[in-house]
């Protein structure tokens, strides 16, 4: 009977106008809010970058710039980015290039304190780790809308306050709060949009390159405002106007139905229909199916995932895939200053490459399904990562260009594969656990970027370590995806139940029709 409810709710979406003006409004608002969220998460790609610096302050920066690659003829020890001076491993006076102000130059985080930026990144990702699960759990319990706007408010306040940090310890604490606010949003926003989107249009949602555009714009902003304090203030200020969208964005009608809040669901359905300029459909059949399902209006938790073998298997596979993608994505992103060339150009290029990746993912998912698409792109990323690892261990002409090129390939494959995984994750859980499952994956994946700074440090000793490990984990995740079912052309599940049926669906003018009835293989 829960299967019947799934199809009825899919038809309700079509009856309210399908992919209409209301859906475009929700898609636009949620993706614009994602811009300051993206800047919050990626802030340390610029904030943790090391400006040019010199040990000792007895020469001016212009002379130092001219002599940064050669020893001074008067016998003074090489000072450019050199900690070991006169037998001491700590430089007492450090001069930073004034053209770029990051947290490293702000608090002199070089030599004996060069470990601090990596710790700050890990602390931020720990915030995302915690909030990813909390967001999914809380939004399944109390609704999507409330948690979304709490995250926007928290993000605005924390970013602005962080701009006035007086120590790296205070800054790290606020990065933890920013990580929490970002995780709250990222674990819900896609699920929220998809619950308003007809089945055939869901892959298109993930093809919208809002994260990629925001990340590319962040590179431009860093170039225009090369000061971490200004970047924090801009990020917080951009978040503030979106709080007014509380009066525009409704609660998910699927969440309301699955929690038996039919009166409120009716109000939302009427609102969608009116905005799309169609007649409001009746919810009588939905109410009948809901009564027959004999479910209780209760709060669902991750324990419910663990109790059902087919959900647990899905959770393990998609969560590992998220971890692999996050480890690769953030490892390359936070190591962008280790690539040759301009920091700002590399940030822009790495981010801009995600845009064609999103469209490729959309095209492939529509043509060959979610699983094959994910496998192809994850293996592409793995190949790029392993190629970079090998190139870093051999000296040859144009090695820097080759390393950059394959790093770009690894990032392109990773971003496209992750786009596929976003859709797979939202489609493989029932509504009552959708944001819990999505949040669980979003939370556990932060283990990847927590470990990425450590892998970057290890790469200083073992060349290519980060990229070799990226290749291995993405390859494993790409092959393991076939252990769960294909979600292409399947109605979203709404309730947990052993009576779920796996069917072939056909979208017609009159709605979604079942063309084949078979017992579900609970994969």
Foldseek 3Di string as FASTA:
>chain_A
DLQVLLQVLLQLLVQLPFCFPLLVVLLVLLLLLVLLLLCLLLVLLQQLFAAKKWFDDPDDPVVCVVCQPHQDPVPAGRTTLQQQGPNGQHRPDMDGDVVFAHLCNVAVCGRVNVCLSLVLSLLLLLLLLVLLLVLLQVCLVPFNLVLQLVLLLQLLVLLLVLLPDPHVVSNSVSSSSSSNSSNNSVLRSLLQSVLSHRQVCSLVSLLPLSSLVSQLVSLVVCNVVNHSSVSSNVSSVSSVVSSVCSVVDDTRLLSCLLLVVVVSSQVVQCVSSVVRVGDRDDCVVSVVVSVVVPDHNDRDACVVQVVDPLSVLVLVLLLLLLLLLLLLQLLLSSCLSVADDDSSVSSNLLSNLLNVLSVVLSVCCSPPFLLVQLLVLLLQLLVLLVQLQVLQVDDDPPSRVSNSVSSSSNSSSSSSNVSSSLSVLQQSDAQSSSSSSSSNSSSSSSVSSSCSSVQVVVCVVRPSSSSNVSSVSSNVSSVCSVVHDTRRQRRRRHDDDLQNWDFHWDQDSSGIDTDDTDRDDSD
